[in-house]
PDB file of N, CA and C in Angstrom:
ATOM      1  N   MET A   1      84.540-123.748 150.491  1.00  0.00           N
ATOM      2  CA  MET A   1      84.003-124.753 151.394  1.00  0.00           C
ATOM      3  C   MET A   1      83.216-124.087 152.525  1.00  0.00           C
ATOM      4  N   VAL A   2      83.739-123.004 153.057  1.00  0.00           N
ATOM      5  CA  VAL A   2      83.074-122.291 154.144  1.00  0.00           C
ATOM      6  C   VAL A   2      81.754-121.711 153.647  1.00  0.00           C
ATOM      7  N   PHE A   3      81.750-121.214 152.416  1.00  0.00           N
ATOM      8  CA  PHE A   3      80.535-120.640 151.836  1.00  0.00           C
ATOM      9  C   PHE A   3      79.430-121.689 151.728  1.00  0.00           C
ATOM     10  N   VAL A   4      79.796-122.893 151.305  1.00  0.00           N
ATOM     11  CA  VAL A   4      78.820-123.983 151.175  1.00  0.00           C
ATOM     12  C   VAL A   4      78.262-124.343 152.545  1.00  0.00           C
ATOM     13  N   LEU A   5      79.128-124.403 153.550  1.00  0.00           N
ATOM     14  CA  LEU A   5      78.700-124.730 154.906  1.00  0.00           C
ATOM     15  C   LEU A   5      77.757-123.658 155.445  1.00  0.00           C
ATOM     16  N   LEU A   6      78.074-122.383 155.228  1.00  0.00           N
ATOM     17  CA  LEU A   6      77.195-121.298 155.666  1.00  0.00           C
ATOM     18  C   LEU A   6      75.855-121.343 154.948  1.00  0.00           C
ATOM     19  N   THR A   7      75.871-121.663 153.680  1.00  0.00           N
ATOM     20  CA  THR A   7      74.635-121.755 152.908  1.00  0.00           C
ATOM     21  C   THR A   7      73.736-122.856 153.458  1.00  0.00           C
ATOM     22  N   VAL A   8      74.310-123.995 153.785  1.00  0.00           N
ATOM     23  CA  VAL A   8      73.532-125.118 154.327  1.00  0.00           C
ATOM     24  C   VAL A   8      72.938-124.743 155.678  1.00  0.00           C
ATOM     25  N   VAL A   9      73.716-124.111 156.550  1.00  0.00           N
ATOM     26  CA  VAL A   9      73.232-123.726 157.875  1.00  0.00           C
ATOM     27  C   VAL A   9      72.128-122.679 157.756  1.00  0.00           C
ATOM     28  N   CYS A  10      72.300-121.681 156.908  1.00  0.00           N
ATOM     29  CA  CYS A  10      71.295-120.628 156.741  1.00  0.00           C
ATOM     30  C   CYS A  10      70.014-121.172 156.128  1.00  0.00           C
ATOM     31  N   SER A  11      70.143-122.057 155.153  1.00  0.00           N
ATOM     32  CA  SER A  11      68.940-122.602 154.520  1.00  0.00           C
ATOM     33  C   SER A  11      68.159-123.473 155.496  1.00  0.00           C
ATOM     34  N   ALA A  12      68.844-124.193 156.374  1.00  0.00           N
ATOM     35  CA  ALA A  12      68.155-125.008 157.374  1.00  0.00           C
ATOM     36  C   ALA A  12      67.404-124.114 158.356  1.00  0.00           C
ATOM     37  N   GLY A  13      68.018-123.015 158.766  1.00  0.00           N
ATOM     38  CA  GLY A  13      67.348-122.071 159.666  1.00  0.00           C
ATOM     39  C   GLY A  13      66.160-121.414 159.004  1.00  0.00           C
ATOM     40  N   PHE A  14      66.294-121.050 157.733  1.00  0.00           N
ATOM     41  CA  PHE A  14      65.196-120.412 157.006  1.00  0.00           C
ATOM     42  C   PHE A  14      64.038-121.372 156.819  1.00  0.00           C
ATOM     43  N   SER A  15      64.343-122.630 156.474  1.00  0.00           N
ATOM     44  CA  SER A  15      63.263-123.597 156.260  1.00  0.00           C
ATOM     45  C   SER A  15      62.529-123.885 157.561  1.00  0.00           C
ATOM     46  N   SER A  16      63.234-123.855 158.685  1.00  0.00           N
ATOM     47  CA  SER A  16      62.589-124.053 159.977  1.00  0.00           C
ATOM     48  C   SER A  16      61.635-122.901 160.276  1.00  0.00           C
ATOM     49  N   LYS A  17      62.077-121.667 160.023  1.00  0.00           N
ATOM     50  CA  LYS A  17      61.216-120.504 160.244  1.00  0.00           C
ATOM     51  C   LYS A  17      60.029-120.527 159.291  1.00  0.00           C
ATOM     52  N   LEU A  18      60.271-120.911 158.052  1.00  0.00           N
ATOM     53  CA  LEU A  18      59.196-120.993 157.069  1.00  0.00           C
ATOM     54  C   LEU A  18      58.181-122.058 157.477  1.00  0.00           C
ATOM     55  N   SER A  19      58.664-123.182 157.960  1.00  0.00           N
ATOM     56  CA  SER A  19      57.778-124.255 158.399  1.00  0.00           C
ATOM     57  C   SER A  19      56.915-123.796 159.573  1.00  0.00           C
ATOM     58  N   LYS A  20      57.517-123.109 160.537  1.00  0.00           N
ATOM     59  CA  LYS A  20      56.752-122.594 161.679  1.00  0.00           C
ATOM     60  C   LYS A  20      55.708-121.590 161.216  1.00  0.00           C
ATOM     61  N   PHE A  21      56.093-120.722 160.295  1.00  0.00           N
ATOM     62  CA  PHE A  21      55.165-119.721 159.776  1.00  0.00           C
ATOM     63  C   PHE A  21      53.992-120.388 159.063  1.00  0.00           C
ATOM     64  N   LEU A  22      54.281-121.377 158.214  1.00  0.00           N
ATOM     65  CA  LEU A  22      53.215-122.062 157.481  1.00  0.00           C
ATOM     66  C   LEU A  22      52.302-122.846 158.418  1.00  0.00           C
ATOM     67  N   ASN A  23      52.871-123.470 159.446  1.00  0.00           N
ATOM     68  CA  ASN A  23      52.047-124.176 160.428  1.00  0.00           C
ATOM     69  C   ASN A  23      51.145-123.207 161.181  1.00  0.00           C
ATOM     70  N   LYS A  24      51.679-122.036 161.520  1.00  0.00           N
ATOM     71  CA  LYS A  24      50.875-121.022 162.211  1.00  0.00           C
ATOM     72  C   LYS A  24      49.744-120.538 161.305  1.00  0.00           C
ATOM     73  N   MET A  25      50.043-120.301 160.032  1.00  0.00           N
ATOM     74  CA  MET A  25      49.010-119.859 159.087  1.00  0.00           C
ATOM     75  C   MET A  25      47.933-120.933 158.923  1.00  0.00           C
ATOM     76  N   ASP A  26      48.341-122.192 158.869  1.00  0.00           N
ATOM     77  CA  ASP A  26      47.387-123.293 158.730  1.00  0.00           C
ATOM     78  C   ASP A  26      46.479-123.381 159.956  1.00  0.00           C
ATOM     79  N   THR A  27      47.049-123.230 161.140  1.00  0.00           N
ATOM     80  CA  THR A  27      46.260-123.255 162.372  1.00  0.00           C
ATOM     81  C   THR A  27      45.267-122.104 162.403  1.00  0.00           C
ATOM     82  N   GLU A  28      45.715-120.909 162.021  1.00  0.00           N
ATOM     83  CA  GLU A  28      44.817-119.756 161.990  1.00  0.00           C
ATOM     84  C   GLU A  28      43.691-119.958 160.983  1.00  0.00           C
ATOM     85  N   GLN A  29      43.989-120.546 159.832  1.00  0.00           N
ATOM     86  CA  GLN A  29      42.962-120.795 158.819  1.00  0.00           C
ATOM     87  C   GLN A  29      41.927-121.795 159.331  1.00  0.00           C
ATOM     88  N   LYS A  30      42.389-122.832 160.018  1.00  0.00           N
ATOM     89  CA  LYS A  30      41.460-123.814 160.574  1.00  0.00           C
ATOM     90  C   LYS A  30      40.560-123.176 161.624  1.00  0.00           C
ATOM     91  N   GLN A  31      41.118-122.306 162.474  1.00  0.00           N
ATOM     92  CA  GLN A  31      40.309-121.610 163.470  1.00  0.00           C
ATOM     93  C   GLN A  31      39.294-120.700 162.798  1.00  0.00           C
ATOM     94  N   ARG A  32      39.715-119.997 161.759  1.00  0.00           N
ATOM     95  CA  ARG A  32      38.818-119.105 161.025  1.00  0.00           C
ATOM     96  C   ARG A  32      37.682-119.895 160.375  1.00  0.00           C
ATOM     97  N   ASP A  33      38.012-121.055 159.794  1.00  0.00           N
ATOM     98  CA  ASP A  33      36.991-121.904 159.174  1.00  0.00           C
ATOM     99  C   ASP A  33      35.979-122.397 160.204  1.00  0.00           C
ATOM    100  N   ALA A  34      36.476-122.821 161.371  1.00  0.00           N
ATOM    101  CA  ALA A  34      35.574-123.298 162.420  1.00  0.00           C
ATOM    102  C   ALA A  34      34.674-122.171 162.920  1.00  0.00           C
ATOM    103  N   GLN A  35      35.240-120.969 163.061  1.00  0.00           N
ATOM    104  CA  GLN A  35      34.451-119.825 163.510  1.00  0.00           C
ATOM    105  C   GLN A  35      33.398-119.457 162.468  1.00  0.00           C
ATOM    106  N   GLU A  36      33.753-119.489 161.193  1.00  0.00           N
ATOM    107  CA  GLU A  36      32.786-119.197 160.130  1.00  0.00           C
ATOM    108  C   GLU A  36      31.645-120.200 160.148  1.00  0.00           C
ATOM    109  N   LEU A  37      31.980-121.469 160.304  1.00  0.00           N
ATOM    110  CA  LEU A  37      30.954-122.502 160.311  1.00  0.00           C
ATOM    111  C   LEU A  37      30.007-122.316 161.493  1.00  0.00           C
ATOM    112  N   GLN A  38      30.558-122.014 162.668  1.00  0.00           N
ATOM    113  CA  GLN A  38      29.725-121.809 163.847  1.00  0.00           C
ATOM    114  C   GLN A  38      28.839-120.580 163.674  1.00  0.00           C
ATOM    115  N   GLN A  39      29.383-119.525 163.113  1.00  0.00           N
ATOM    116  CA  GLN A  39      28.624-118.293 162.902  1.00  0.00           C
ATOM    117  C   GLN A  39      27.540-118.495 161.843  1.00  0.00           C
ATOM    118  N   ASP A  40      27.856-119.203 160.775  1.00  0.00           N
ATOM    119  CA  ASP A  40      26.898-119.416 159.690  1.00  0.00           C
ATOM    120  C   ASP A  40      25.785-120.376 160.086  1.00  0.00           C
ATOM    121  N   MET A  41      26.112-121.365 160.891  1.00  0.00           N
ATOM    122  CA  MET A  41      25.161-122.430 161.185  1.00  0.00           C
ATOM    123  C   MET A  41      24.495-122.226 162.536  1.00  0.00           C
ATOM    124  N   ASN A  42      23.922-121.088 162.751  1.00  0.00           N
ATOM    125  CA  ASN A  42      23.263-120.792 164.012  1.00  0.00           C
ATOM    126  C   ASN A  42      21.779-121.142 163.914  1.00  0.00           C
ATOM    127  N   PHE A  43      21.477-122.315 163.386  1.00  0.00           N
ATOM    128  CA  PHE A  43      20.108-122.788 163.241  1.00  0.00           C
ATOM    129  C   PHE A  43      19.994-124.108 163.987  1.00  0.00           C
ATOM    130  N   GLY A  44      18.960-124.243 164.821  1.00  0.00           N
ATOM    131  CA  GLY A  44      18.858-125.413 165.686  1.00  0.00           C
ATOM    132  C   GLY A  44      18.483-126.708 165.005  1.00  0.00           C
ATOM    133  N   ASP A  45      17.522-126.697 164.099  1.00  0.00           N
ATOM    134  CA  ASP A  45      16.954-127.942 163.589  1.00  0.00           C
ATOM    135  C   ASP A  45      17.555-128.389 162.258  1.00  0.00           C
ATOM    136  N   TYR A  46      18.562-127.719 161.774  1.00  0.00           N
ATOM    137  CA  TYR A  46      19.102-128.052 160.459  1.00  0.00           C
ATOM    138  C   TYR A  46      20.518-128.600 160.559  1.00  0.00           C
ATOM    139  N   ALA A  47      20.810-129.535 159.684  1.00  0.00           N
ATOM    140  CA  ALA A  47      22.170-130.059 159.545  1.00  0.00           C
ATOM    141  C   ALA A  47      22.729-129.506 158.239  1.00  0.00           C
ATOM    142  N   PHE A  48      23.883-128.856 158.324  1.00  0.00           N
ATOM    143  CA  PHE A  48      24.490-128.218 157.159  1.00  0.00           C
ATOM    144  C   PHE A  48      25.732-128.974 156.731  1.00  0.00           C
ATOM    145  N   ARG A  49      25.991-128.940 155.436  1.00  0.00           N
ATOM    146  CA  ARG A  49      27.213-129.526 154.885  1.00  0.00           C
ATOM    147  C   ARG A  49      27.799-128.531 153.895  1.00  0.00           C
ATOM    148  N   LEU A  50      29.070-128.201 154.098  1.00  0.00           N
ATOM    149  CA  LEU A  50      29.757-127.264 153.212  1.00  0.00           C
ATOM    150  C   LEU A  50      29.938-127.905 151.843  1.00  0.00           C
ATOM    151  N   LYS A  51      29.467-127.221 150.811  1.00  0.00           N
ATOM    152  CA  LYS A  51      29.577-127.740 149.449  1.00  0.00           C
ATOM    153  C   LYS A  51      30.750-127.117 148.694  1.00  0.00           C
ATOM    154  N   GLU A  52      30.922-125.784 148.836  1.00  0.00           N
ATOM    155  CA  GLU A  52      31.920-125.110 148.003  1.00  0.00           C
ATOM    156  C   GLU A  52      32.332-123.786 148.629  1.00  0.00           C
ATOM    157  N   ARG A  53      33.610-123.440 148.465  1.00  0.00           N
ATOM    158  CA  ARG A  53      34.139-122.115 148.821  1.00  0.00           C
ATOM    159  C   ARG A  53      34.614-121.465 147.538  1.00  0.00           C
ATOM    160  N   TYR A  54      34.340-120.175 147.394  1.00  0.00           N
ATOM    161  CA  TYR A  54      34.785-119.474 146.191  1.00  0.00           C
ATOM    162  C   TYR A  54      34.784-117.972 146.438  1.00  0.00           C
ATOM    163  N   VAL A  55      35.414-117.235 145.521  1.00  0.00           N
ATOM    164  CA  VAL A  55      35.392-115.774 145.532  1.00  0.00           C
ATOM    165  C   VAL A  55      34.554-115.355 144.337  1.00  0.00           C
ATOM    166  N   ASP A  56      33.501-114.571 144.609  1.00  0.00           N
ATOM    167  CA  ASP A  56      32.606-114.194 143.512  1.00  0.00           C
ATOM    168  C   ASP A  56      33.186-113.033 142.709  1.00  0.00           C
ATOM    169  N   ASP A  57      32.432-112.574 141.725  1.00  0.00           N
ATOM    170  CA  ASP A  57      32.927-111.542 140.809  1.00  0.00           C
ATOM    171  C   ASP A  57      33.097-110.179 141.469  1.00  0.00           C
ATOM    172  N   ARG A  58      32.521-109.979 142.655  1.00  0.00           N
ATOM    173  CA  ARG A  58      32.691-108.717 143.382  1.00  0.00           C
ATOM    174  C   ARG A  58      33.785-108.802 144.439  1.00  0.00           C
ATOM    175  N   GLY A  59      34.506-109.906 144.490  1.00  0.00           N
ATOM    176  CA  GLY A  59      35.612-110.059 145.432  1.00  0.00           C
ATOM    177  C   GLY A  59      35.187-110.540 146.806  1.00  0.00           C
ATOM    178  N   GLN A  60      33.952-110.984 146.960  1.00  0.00           N
ATOM    179  CA  GLN A  60      33.485-111.487 148.244  1.00  0.00           C
ATOM    180  C   GLN A  60      33.844-112.960 148.381  1.00  0.00           C
ATOM    181  N   ARG A  61      34.255-113.343 149.601  1.00  0.00           N
ATOM    182  CA  ARG A  61      34.496-114.758 149.881  1.00  0.00           C
ATOM    183  C   ARG A  61      33.155-115.396 150.203  1.00  0.00           C
ATOM    184  N   CYS A  62      32.772-116.413 149.448  1.00  0.00           N
ATOM    185  CA  CYS A  62      31.462-117.038 149.616  1.00  0.00           C
ATOM    186  C   CYS A  62      31.610-118.520 149.938  1.00  0.00           C
ATOM    187  N   ARG A  63      30.591-119.030 150.635  1.00  0.00           N
ATOM    188  CA  ARG A  63      30.514-120.447 150.969  1.00  0.00           C
ATOM    189  C   ARG A  63      29.102-120.920 150.660  1.00  0.00           C
ATOM    190  N   ASP A  64      28.993-122.027 149.960  1.00  0.00           N
ATOM    191  CA  ASP A  64      27.698-122.640 149.659  1.00  0.00           C
ATOM    192  C   ASP A  64      27.509-123.845 150.571  1.00  0.00           C
ATOM    193  N   TYR A  65      26.339-123.918 151.201  1.00  0.00           N
ATOM    194  CA  TYR A  65      25.995-125.030 152.077  1.00  0.00           C
ATOM    195  C   TYR A  65      24.744-125.724 151.558  1.00  0.00           C
ATOM    196  N   GLU A  66      24.663-127.004 151.836  1.00  0.00           N
ATOM    197  CA  GLU A  66      23.455-127.768 151.586  1.00  0.00           C
ATOM    198  C   GLU A  66      22.888-128.099 152.968  1.00  0.00           C
ATOM    199  N   PHE A  67      21.590-127.872 153.179  1.00  0.00           N
ATOM    200  CA  PHE A  67      21.029-128.151 154.493  1.00  0.00           C
ATOM    201  C   PHE A  67      19.843-129.099 154.392  1.00  0.00           C
ATOM    202  N   ARG A  68      19.597-129.769 155.521  1.00  0.00           N
ATOM    203  CA  ARG A  68      18.475-130.699 155.625  1.00  0.00           C
ATOM    204  C   ARG A  68      17.940-130.620 157.051  1.00  0.00           C
ATOM    205  N   GLY A  69      16.617-130.605 157.177  1.00  0.00           N
ATOM    206  CA  GLY A  69      16.006-130.562 158.503  1.00  0.00           C
ATOM    207  C   GLY A  69      16.212-131.871 159.241  1.00  0.00           C
ATOM    208  N   ARG A  70      16.575-131.790 160.518  1.00  0.00           N
ATOM    209  CA  ARG A  70      16.778-133.015 161.304  1.00  0.00           C
ATOM    210  C   ARG A  70      15.446-133.682 161.620  1.00  0.00           C
ATOM    211  N   SER A  71      14.450-132.889 161.990  1.00  0.00           N
ATOM    212  CA  SER A  71      13.162-133.475 162.352  1.00  0.00           C
ATOM    213  C   SER A  71      12.310-133.782 161.124  1.00  0.00           C
ATOM    214  N   ASN A  72      12.559-133.092 160.012  1.00  0.00           N
ATOM    215  CA  ASN A  72      11.792-133.307 158.791  1.00  0.00           C
ATOM    216  C   ASN A  72      12.765-133.312 157.609  1.00  0.00           C
ATOM    217  N   PRO A  73      13.151-134.483 157.129  1.00  0.00           N
ATOM    218  CA  PRO A  73      14.152-134.549 156.053  1.00  0.00           C
ATOM    219  C   PRO A  73      13.673-133.964 154.729  1.00  0.00           C
ATOM    220  N   TYR A  74      12.362-133.719 154.606  1.00  0.00           N
ATOM    221  CA  TYR A  74      11.861-133.120 153.370  1.00  0.00           C
ATOM    222  C   TYR A  74      12.114-131.614 153.323  1.00  0.00           C
ATOM    223  N   ARG A  75      12.466-131.028 154.454  1.00  0.00           N
ATOM    224  CA  ARG A  75      12.849-129.615 154.471  1.00  0.00           C
ATOM    225  C   ARG A  75      14.337-129.555 154.176  1.00  0.00           C
ATOM    226  N   HIS A  76      14.670-129.171 152.980  1.00  0.00           N
ATOM    227  CA  HIS A  76      16.073-129.132 152.582  1.00  0.00           C
ATOM    228  C   HIS A  76      16.266-128.036 151.539  1.00  0.00           C
ATOM    229  N   GLY A  77      17.524-127.705 151.303  1.00  0.00           N
ATOM    230  CA  GLY A  77      17.823-126.679 150.317  1.00  0.00           C
ATOM    231  C   GLY A  77      19.279-126.273 150.358  1.00  0.00           C
ATOM    232  N   TYR A  78      19.543-125.103 149.807  1.00  0.00           N
ATOM    233  CA  TYR A  78      20.903-124.578 149.715  1.00  0.00           C
ATOM    234  C   TYR A  78      20.961-123.210 150.372  1.00  0.00           C
ATOM    235  N   PHE A  79      22.112-122.887 150.925  1.00  0.00           N
ATOM    236  CA  PHE A  79      22.296-121.648 151.666  1.00  0.00           C
ATOM    237  C   PHE A  79      23.662-121.093 151.284  1.00  0.00           C
ATOM    238  N   THR A  80      23.727-119.812 150.937  1.00  0.00           N
ATOM    239  CA  THR A  80      24.988-119.174 150.558  1.00  0.00           C
ATOM    240  C   THR A  80      25.280-118.027 151.507  1.00  0.00           C
ATOM    241  N   VAL A  81      26.524-117.965 151.972  1.00  0.00           N
ATOM    242  CA  VAL A  81      26.978-116.896 152.854  1.00  0.00           C
ATOM    243  C   VAL A  81      28.172-116.234 152.192  1.00  0.00           C
ATOM    244  N   CYS A  82      28.145-114.896 152.087  1.00  0.00           N
ATOM    245  CA  CYS A  82      29.260-114.150 151.498  1.00  0.00           C
ATOM    246  C   CYS A  82      29.741-113.092 152.482  1.00  0.00           C
ATOM    247  N   ASP A  83      31.056-112.933 152.591  1.00  0.00           N
ATOM    248  CA  ASP A  83      31.675-111.922 153.446  1.00  0.00           C
ATOM    249  C   ASP A  83      32.259-110.832 152.574  1.00  0.00           C
ATOM    250  N   ASP A  84      31.972-109.573 152.909  1.00  0.00           N
ATOM    251  CA  ASP A  84      32.580-108.453 152.186  1.00  0.00           C
ATOM    252  C   ASP A  84      34.050-108.380 152.535  1.00  0.00           C
ATOM    253  N   ARG A  85      34.837-107.983 151.573  1.00  0.00           N
ATOM    254  CA  ARG A  85      36.277-107.812 151.819  1.00  0.00           C
ATOM    255  C   ARG A  85      36.601-106.364 151.874  1.00  0.00           C
TER     256      ARG A  85
END
């Protein structure tokens, strides 16, 4: 009976620590994503939309964007950014 009680108490403590760790990782990932977007989209007249995230065959983390000119909607295209690992 004591063993079961200790197991329940330890598992509750572990799940709390795991939850805090996962929340911290999620927050860091969101900050990293926002920083990447700000760094990638340093263009004044274009509106960008993230299309896809992937890892290419060389192990680089890549992001594909679709862009359109704000002042001229006929200026549009695709933009890819890759980070070396």
